[in-house]
Amino acid sequence: MKPITLYLVDDYLLTRISQRLYFAVDNSFKILAEFSNPQDCIKHMKKKEADAILIDIELLNQNNSDIIKFLKKEYPQTKIVISTSNFNDERLLTYLSYGIDGFILKNYGTDLKKTIQMAIDNKFYIDLKILQKAFSKIPIPETICIENLSENKKHIKNLTSREMQVLKYLIEGYTNTQIAAKMAVSINTIKAHVGNILEKFNVQDRVQAVVKAVRTGLF
């Protein structure tokens, strides 16, 4: 089976060495090159495209703010996974809108190989804790009109009003037990609602459901 090819982009040498060693023991991955800045990565992409790029968010500063948009436009088949050491990085929402394929925390026990593989399989991974921090900055309406879904029918089947309410609580970071208490229903009822949401969104877990809801402008 052909290995997944990677470009590593991080300005800290020790981080790149650690990542290189991490992937080197697995024949499922192949590091094509590593870079201390995204401009060099783009130059090499023009010569040889990689299946995925792992890039440190700190390199996407004001001077490099359009790099993700450029990469997604010019190399749509290449998966972009962003790493950060900042637990409360508010730039997440911006890069979600650019179409990144994964967002991970450094040094938090994240299975980086699994994250890359999920991106290759068109499955978005992001730590739910990051989502809770990012979305805490977004005003959540007290009521949600089901008619707002009309523009998103190409992507999402209509949700019931109860499923919309459950989704709102998922975005706010509540557990199934907490949602059941807030809605005064059983935990099994909430699990059923969550299952329906995942099915209608065509995703595998609540994190992907939340990401899809935000990306499609549902909230």
C-alpha atoms as a PDB file:
ATOM      1  CA  MET A   1       0.000   0.000   0.000  1.00  0.00           C
ATOM      2  CA  LYS A   2       1.337   3.422  -0.986  1.00  0.00           C
ATOM      3  CA  PRO A   3       2.458   5.490   2.042  1.00  0.00           C
ATOM      4  CA  ILE A   4       0.904   8.866   2.833  1.00  0.00           C
ATOM      5  CA  THR A   5       3.385  11.576   1.811  1.00  0.00           C
ATOM      6  CA  LEU A   6       3.889  14.525   4.160  1.00  0.00           C
ATOM      7  CA  TYR A   7       5.451  17.952   4.351  1.00  0.00           C
ATOM      8  CA  LEU A   8       6.279  19.191   7.868  1.00  0.00           C
ATOM      9  CA  VAL A   9       6.234  22.963   8.434  1.00  0.00           C
ATOM     10  CA  ASP A  10       7.403  24.268  11.812  1.00  0.00           C
ATOM     11  CA  ASP A  11       9.969  26.908  12.762  1.00  0.00           C
ATOM     12  CA  TYR A  12      11.223  24.907  15.767  1.00  0.00           C
ATOM     13  CA  LEU A  13      13.893  22.418  14.772  1.00  0.00           C
ATOM     14  CA  LEU A  14      13.272  20.179  17.774  1.00  0.00           C
ATOM     15  CA  THR A  15       9.582  19.947  16.887  1.00  0.00           C
ATOM     16  CA  ARG A  16      10.392  18.920  13.313  1.00  0.00           C
ATOM     17  CA  ILE A  17      12.906  16.336  14.535  1.00  0.00           C
ATOM     18  CA  SER A  18      10.330  14.928  16.941  1.00  0.00           C
ATOM     19  CA  GLN A  19       7.690  14.750  14.207  1.00  0.00           C
ATOM     20  CA  ARG A  20      10.134  13.159  11.783  1.00  0.00           C
ATOM     21  CA  LEU A  21      11.045  10.433  14.274  1.00  0.00           C
ATOM     22  CA  TYR A  22       7.375   9.936  15.134  1.00  0.00           C
ATOM     23  CA  PHE A  23       6.473   9.154  11.524  1.00  0.00           C
ATOM     24  CA  ALA A  24       9.721   7.366  10.619  1.00  0.00           C
ATOM     25  CA  VAL A  25       8.787   4.183  12.498  1.00  0.00           C
ATOM     26  CA  ASP A  26       5.595   3.745  10.479  1.00  0.00           C
ATOM     27  CA  ASN A  27       5.809   2.632   6.852  1.00  0.00           C
ATOM     28  CA  SER A  28       2.335   4.030   6.267  1.00  0.00           C
ATOM     29  CA  PHE A  29       3.839   7.530   6.163  1.00  0.00           C
ATOM     30  CA  LYS A  30       6.675   9.117   4.217  1.00  0.00           C
ATOM     31  CA  ILE A  31       8.169  12.545   5.005  1.00  0.00           C
ATOM     32  CA  LEU A  32       9.047  14.209   1.694  1.00  0.00           C
ATOM     33  CA  ALA A  33      10.648  17.267   3.307  1.00  0.00           C
ATOM     34  CA  GLU A  34      10.460  19.615   6.263  1.00  0.00           C
ATOM     35  CA  PHE A  35      10.521  23.406   6.328  1.00  0.00           C
ATOM     36  CA  SER A  36      10.878  26.257   8.784  1.00  0.00           C
ATOM     37  CA  ASN A  37       8.529  28.510   6.796  1.00  0.00           C
ATOM     38  CA  PRO A  38       5.471  27.986   4.567  1.00  0.00           C
ATOM     39  CA  GLN A  39       6.957  29.793   1.550  1.00  0.00           C
ATOM     40  CA  ASP A  40       9.572  27.058   1.075  1.00  0.00           C
ATOM     41  CA  CYS A  41       6.852  24.452   1.389  1.00  0.00           C
ATOM     42  CA  ILE A  42       4.879  26.094  -1.424  1.00  0.00           C
ATOM     43  CA  LYS A  43       7.969  26.125  -3.641  1.00  0.00           C
ATOM     44  CA  HIS A  44       8.369  22.373  -3.154  1.00  0.00           C
ATOM     45  CA  MET A  45       4.656  21.750  -3.680  1.00  0.00           C
ATOM     46  CA  LYS A  46       5.087  23.197  -7.176  1.00  0.00           C
ATOM     47  CA  LYS A  47       7.719  20.516  -7.801  1.00  0.00           C
ATOM     48  CA  LYS A  48       6.140  17.615  -5.948  1.00  0.00           C
ATOM     49  CA  GLU A  49       2.751  17.597  -4.257  1.00  0.00           C
ATOM     50  CA  ALA A  50       2.311  15.900  -0.902  1.00  0.00           C
ATOM     51  CA  ASP A  51      -0.776  14.069   0.300  1.00  0.00           C
ATOM     52  CA  ALA A  52      -0.835  16.182   3.450  1.00  0.00           C
ATOM     53  CA  ILE A  53       0.851  19.188   5.047  1.00  0.00           C
ATOM     54  CA  LEU A  54       1.267  19.536   8.813  1.00  0.00           C
ATOM     55  CA  ILE A  55       1.822  23.195   9.644  1.00  0.00           C
ATOM     56  CA  ASP A  56       2.271  25.173  12.864  1.00  0.00           C
ATOM     57  CA  ILE A  57      -0.355  27.900  13.201  1.00  0.00           C
ATOM     58  CA  GLU A  58       2.237  30.379  14.468  1.00  0.00           C
ATOM     59  CA  LEU A  59       3.701  30.497  10.957  1.00  0.00           C
ATOM     60  CA  LEU A  60       0.366  31.682   9.596  1.00  0.00           C
ATOM     61  CA  ASN A  61       0.864  35.228  10.822  1.00  0.00           C
ATOM     62  CA  GLN A  62      -0.364  38.407   9.174  1.00  0.00           C
ATOM     63  CA  ASN A  63       2.163  38.166   6.344  1.00  0.00           C
ATOM     64  CA  ASN A  64       1.138  34.575   5.642  1.00  0.00           C
ATOM     65  CA  SER A  65      -2.584  34.854   6.312  1.00  0.00           C
ATOM     66  CA  ASP A  66      -3.605  33.822   2.787  1.00  0.00           C
ATOM     67  CA  ILE A  67      -1.352  30.774   2.529  1.00  0.00           C
ATOM     68  CA  ILE A  68      -4.042  28.291   3.545  1.00  0.00           C
ATOM     69  CA  LYS A  69      -6.489  29.736   1.020  1.00  0.00           C
ATOM     70  CA  PHE A  70      -3.784  29.564  -1.660  1.00  0.00           C
ATOM     71  CA  LEU A  71      -2.919  25.951  -0.890  1.00  0.00           C
ATOM     72  CA  LYS A  72      -6.569  24.847  -0.823  1.00  0.00           C
ATOM     73  CA  LYS A  73      -7.192  26.555  -4.159  1.00  0.00           C
ATOM     74  CA  GLU A  74      -4.065  25.409  -5.987  1.00  0.00           C
ATOM     75  CA  TYR A  75      -3.779  21.934  -4.418  1.00  0.00           C
ATOM     76  CA  PRO A  76      -7.307  20.876  -3.416  1.00  0.00           C
ATOM     77  CA  GLN A  77      -6.312  17.221  -3.092  1.00  0.00           C
ATOM     78  CA  THR A  78      -3.650  17.986  -0.469  1.00  0.00           C
ATOM     79  CA  LYS A  79      -4.920  17.827   3.111  1.00  0.00           C
ATOM     80  CA  ILE A  80      -3.958  20.666   5.455  1.00  0.00           C
ATOM     81  CA  VAL A  81      -3.657  19.900   9.178  1.00  0.00           C
ATOM     82  CA  ILE A  82      -2.850  22.802  11.506  1.00  0.00           C
ATOM     83  CA  SER A  83      -1.176  22.338  14.876  1.00  0.00           C
ATOM     84  CA  THR A  84      -1.180  24.761  17.787  1.00  0.00           C
ATOM     85  CA  SER A  85       0.083  24.866  21.350  1.00  0.00           C
ATOM     86  CA  ASN A  86      -2.462  27.542  22.245  1.00  0.00           C
ATOM     87  CA  PHE A  87      -5.467  25.903  23.861  1.00  0.00           C
ATOM     88  CA  ASN A  88      -7.614  28.981  23.241  1.00  0.00           C
ATOM     89  CA  ASP A  89      -6.547  29.897  19.708  1.00  0.00           C
ATOM     90  CA  GLU A  90      -9.285  32.088  18.253  1.00  0.00           C
ATOM     91  CA  ARG A  91      -7.937  31.757  14.708  1.00  0.00           C
ATOM     92  CA  LEU A  92      -9.604  28.360  14.467  1.00  0.00           C
ATOM     93  CA  LEU A  93     -12.820  29.757  13.008  1.00  0.00           C
ATOM     94  CA  THR A  94     -10.930  31.625  10.307  1.00  0.00           C
ATOM     95  CA  TYR A  95      -9.086  28.539   9.152  1.00  0.00           C
ATOM     96  CA  LEU A  96     -12.228  26.420   9.325  1.00  0.00           C
ATOM     97  CA  SER A  97     -13.747  28.820   6.814  1.00  0.00           C
ATOM     98  CA  TYR A  98     -10.691  28.290   4.587  1.00  0.00           C
ATOM     99  CA  GLY A  99     -11.392  24.567   4.492  1.00  0.00           C
ATOM    100  CA  ILE A 100      -8.605  23.055   6.606  1.00  0.00           C
ATOM    101  CA  ASP A 101      -8.766  19.288   7.103  1.00  0.00           C
ATOM    102  CA  GLY A 102      -7.695  18.981  10.745  1.00  0.00           C
ATOM    103  CA  PHE A 103      -6.808  21.037  13.803  1.00  0.00           C
ATOM    104  CA  ILE A 104      -4.759  19.549  16.633  1.00  0.00           C
ATOM    105  CA  LEU A 105      -3.168  20.548  19.907  1.00  0.00           C
ATOM    106  CA  LYS A 106       0.563  20.009  20.359  1.00  0.00           C
ATOM    107  CA  ASN A 107       1.678  17.903  23.318  1.00  0.00           C
ATOM    108  CA  TYR A 108      -1.816  16.909  24.400  1.00  0.00           C
ATOM    109  CA  GLY A 109      -1.583  13.225  23.581  1.00  0.00           C
ATOM    110  CA  THR A 110      -3.173  13.663  20.174  1.00  0.00           C
ATOM    111  CA  ASP A 111      -2.775  10.671  17.889  1.00  0.00           C
ATOM    112  CA  LEU A 112      -1.169  12.588  15.040  1.00  0.00           C
ATOM    113  CA  LYS A 113      -1.066   9.604  12.684  1.00  0.00           C
ATOM    114  CA  LYS A 114      -4.769   9.000  13.199  1.00  0.00           C
ATOM    115  CA  THR A 115      -5.476  12.684  12.570  1.00  0.00           C
ATOM    116  CA  ILE A 116      -3.555  12.637   9.282  1.00  0.00           C
ATOM    117  CA  GLN A 117      -5.225   9.390   8.215  1.00  0.00           C
ATOM    118  CA  MET A 118      -8.657  10.839   8.990  1.00  0.00           C
ATOM    119  CA  ALA A 119      -7.864  13.868   6.834  1.00  0.00           C
ATOM    120  CA  ILE A 120      -6.835  11.592   3.966  1.00  0.00           C
ATOM    121  CA  ASP A 121     -10.124   9.742   4.403  1.00  0.00           C
ATOM    122  CA  ASN A 122     -12.004  13.066   4.248  1.00  0.00           C
ATOM    123  CA  LYS A 123     -12.857  12.928   7.957  1.00  0.00           C
ATOM    124  CA  PHE A 124     -12.226  16.110   9.898  1.00  0.00           C
ATOM    125  CA  TYR A 125     -10.587  15.835  13.339  1.00  0.00           C
ATOM    126  CA  ILE A 126     -10.498  18.551  15.972  1.00  0.00           C
ATOM    127  CA  ASP A 127     -10.280  18.355  19.742  1.00  0.00           C
ATOM    128  CA  LEU A 128     -13.705  19.155  21.181  1.00  0.00           C
ATOM    129  CA  LYS A 129     -12.061  21.320  23.859  1.00  0.00           C
ATOM    130  CA  ILE A 130     -10.741  23.648  21.156  1.00  0.00           C
ATOM    131  CA  LEU A 131     -14.194  23.911  19.649  1.00  0.00           C
ATOM    132  CA  GLN A 132     -15.732  24.818  22.996  1.00  0.00           C
ATOM    133  CA  LYS A 133     -13.199  27.610  23.473  1.00  0.00           C
ATOM    134  CA  ALA A 134     -13.584  28.944  19.939  1.00  0.00           C
ATOM    135  CA  PHE A 135     -17.358  28.810  19.815  1.00  0.00           C
ATOM    136  CA  SER A 136     -17.690  30.403  23.248  1.00  0.00           C
ATOM    137  CA  LYS A 137     -16.900  33.664  21.414  1.00  0.00           C
ATOM    138  CA  ILE A 138     -19.914  33.244  19.114  1.00  0.00           C
ATOM    139  CA  PRO A 139     -23.308  34.540  20.264  1.00  0.00           C
ATOM    140  CA  ILE A 140     -25.745  31.625  20.341  1.00  0.00           C
ATOM    141  CA  PRO A 141     -29.377  32.634  19.708  1.00  0.00           C
ATOM    142  CA  GLU A 142     -31.967  31.678  22.298  1.00  0.00           C
ATOM    143  CA  THR A 143     -34.244  30.355  19.562  1.00  0.00           C
ATOM    144  CA  ILE A 144     -33.400  28.882  16.199  1.00  0.00           C
ATOM    145  CA  CYS A 145     -35.732  29.046  13.210  1.00  0.00           C
ATOM    146  CA  ILE A 146     -35.924  25.792  11.279  1.00  0.00           C
ATOM    147  CA  GLU A 147     -36.512  27.809   8.100  1.00  0.00           C
ATOM    148  CA  ASN A 148     -32.891  28.965   8.269  1.00  0.00           C
ATOM    149  CA  LEU A 149     -31.954  25.531   6.961  1.00  0.00           C
ATOM    150  CA  SER A 150     -33.512  26.190   3.546  1.00  0.00           C
ATOM    151  CA  GLU A 151     -30.260  27.429   1.992  1.00  0.00           C
ATOM    152  CA  ASN A 152     -28.332  24.406   3.221  1.00  0.00           C
ATOM    153  CA  LYS A 153     -30.527  21.634   1.841  1.00  0.00           C
ATOM    154  CA  LYS A 154     -27.803  20.635  -0.616  1.00  0.00           C
ATOM    155  CA  HIS A 155     -25.601  19.688   2.321  1.00  0.00           C
ATOM    156  CA  ILE A 156     -27.899  18.882   5.208  1.00  0.00           C
ATOM    157  CA  LYS A 157     -31.331  17.312   5.437  1.00  0.00           C
ATOM    158  CA  ASN A 158     -33.839  19.185   7.570  1.00  0.00           C
ATOM    159  CA  LEU A 159     -33.520  18.737  11.297  1.00  0.00           C
ATOM    160  CA  THR A 160     -36.479  18.740  13.633  1.00  0.00           C
ATOM    161  CA  SER A 161     -36.793  21.587  16.125  1.00  0.00           C
ATOM    162  CA  ARG A 162     -35.690  19.243  18.940  1.00  0.00           C
ATOM    163  CA  GLU A 163     -32.648  18.107  16.955  1.00  0.00           C
ATOM    164  CA  MET A 164     -31.766  21.757  16.339  1.00  0.00           C
ATOM    165  CA  GLN A 165     -31.989  22.384  20.055  1.00  0.00           C
ATOM    166  CA  VAL A 166     -29.711  19.419  20.781  1.00  0.00           C
ATOM    167  CA  LEU A 167     -27.237  20.624  18.136  1.00  0.00           C
ATOM    168  CA  LYS A 168     -27.174  24.063  19.781  1.00  0.00           C
ATOM    169  CA  TYR A 169     -26.196  22.429  23.073  1.00  0.00           C
ATOM    170  CA  LEU A 170     -23.543  20.308  21.328  1.00  0.00           C
ATOM    171  CA  ILE A 171     -21.952  23.458  19.946  1.00  0.00           C
ATOM    172  CA  GLU A 172     -21.942  24.935  23.448  1.00  0.00           C
ATOM    173  CA  GLY A 173     -20.001  21.870  24.625  1.00  0.00           C
ATOM    174  CA  TYR A 174     -22.600  20.141  26.815  1.00  0.00           C
ATOM    175  CA  THR A 175     -22.522  16.371  27.360  1.00  0.00           C
ATOM    176  CA  ASN A 176     -25.491  14.115  26.624  1.00  0.00           C
ATOM    177  CA  THR A 177     -26.282  13.923  30.339  1.00  0.00           C
ATOM    178  CA  GLN A 178     -26.262  17.709  30.701  1.00  0.00           C
ATOM    179  CA  ILE A 179     -28.418  18.148  27.604  1.00  0.00           C
ATOM    180  CA  ALA A 180     -30.925  15.593  28.921  1.00  0.00           C
ATOM    181  CA  ALA A 181     -31.189  17.556  32.162  1.00  0.00           C
ATOM    182  CA  LYS A 182     -31.651  20.872  30.360  1.00  0.00           C
ATOM    183  CA  MET A 183     -34.341  19.445  28.076  1.00  0.00           C
ATOM    184  CA  ALA A 184     -35.959  17.377  30.856  1.00  0.00           C
ATOM    185  CA  VAL A 185     -35.814  14.142  28.862  1.00  0.00           C
ATOM    186  CA  SER A 186     -34.016  10.820  29.242  1.00  0.00           C
ATOM    187  CA  ILE A 187     -30.396  10.262  28.230  1.00  0.00           C
ATOM    188  CA  ASN A 188     -31.598   7.687  25.685  1.00  0.00           C
ATOM    189  CA  THR A 189     -33.773  10.322  24.038  1.00  0.00           C
ATOM    190  CA  ILE A 190     -30.765  12.616  23.672  1.00  0.00           C
ATOM    191  CA  LYS A 191     -28.646   9.778  22.278  1.00  0.00           C
ATOM    192  CA  ALA A 192     -31.380   9.147  19.714  1.00  0.00           C
ATOM    193  CA  HIS A 193     -31.432  12.832  18.729  1.00  0.00           C
ATOM    194  CA  VAL A 194     -27.630  12.893  18.413  1.00  0.00           C
ATOM    195  CA  GLY A 195     -27.747   9.737  16.292  1.00  0.00           C
ATOM    196  CA  ASN A 196     -30.300  11.357  13.993  1.00  0.00           C
ATOM    197  CA  ILE A 197     -28.159  14.476  13.659  1.00  0.00           C
ATOM    198  CA  LEU A 198     -25.079  12.429  12.738  1.00  0.00           C
ATOM    199  CA  GLU A 199     -27.070  10.490  10.149  1.00  0.00           C
ATOM    200  CA  LYS A 200     -28.565  13.602   8.563  1.00  0.00           C
ATOM    201  CA  PHE A 201     -25.202  15.341   8.519  1.00  0.00           C
ATOM    202  CA  ASN A 202     -23.532  12.191   7.161  1.00  0.00           C
ATOM    203  CA  VAL A 203     -20.765  12.338   9.801  1.00  0.00           C
ATOM    204  CA  GLN A 204     -19.439   9.887  12.390  1.00  0.00           C
ATOM    205  CA  ASP A 205     -19.207  11.926  15.585  1.00  0.00           C
ATOM    206  CA  ARG A 206     -20.457  15.060  17.301  1.00  0.00           C
ATOM    207  CA  VAL A 207     -17.270  17.023  16.610  1.00  0.00           C
ATOM    208  CA  GLN A 208     -17.704  16.604  12.863  1.00  0.00           C
ATOM    209  CA  ALA A 209     -21.374  17.558  13.218  1.00  0.00           C
ATOM    210  CA  VAL A 210     -20.471  20.796  15.002  1.00  0.00           C
ATOM    211  CA  VAL A 211     -17.835  21.636  12.389  1.00  0.00           C
ATOM    212  CA  LYS A 212     -20.278  20.993   9.554  1.00  0.00           C
ATOM    213  CA  ALA A 213     -22.955  23.121  11.187  1.00  0.00           C
ATOM    214  CA  VAL A 214     -20.555  26.058  11.433  1.00  0.00           C
ATOM    215  CA  ARG A 215     -19.087  25.591   7.958  1.00  0.00           C
ATOM    216  CA  THR A 216     -22.510  25.602   6.313  1.00  0.00           C
ATOM    217  CA  GLY A 217     -23.600  28.720   8.151  1.00  0.00           C
ATOM    218  CA  LEU A 218     -26.205  26.931  10.201  1.00  0.00           C
ATOM    219  CA  PHE A 219     -25.245  29.023  13.233  1.00  0.00           C
END
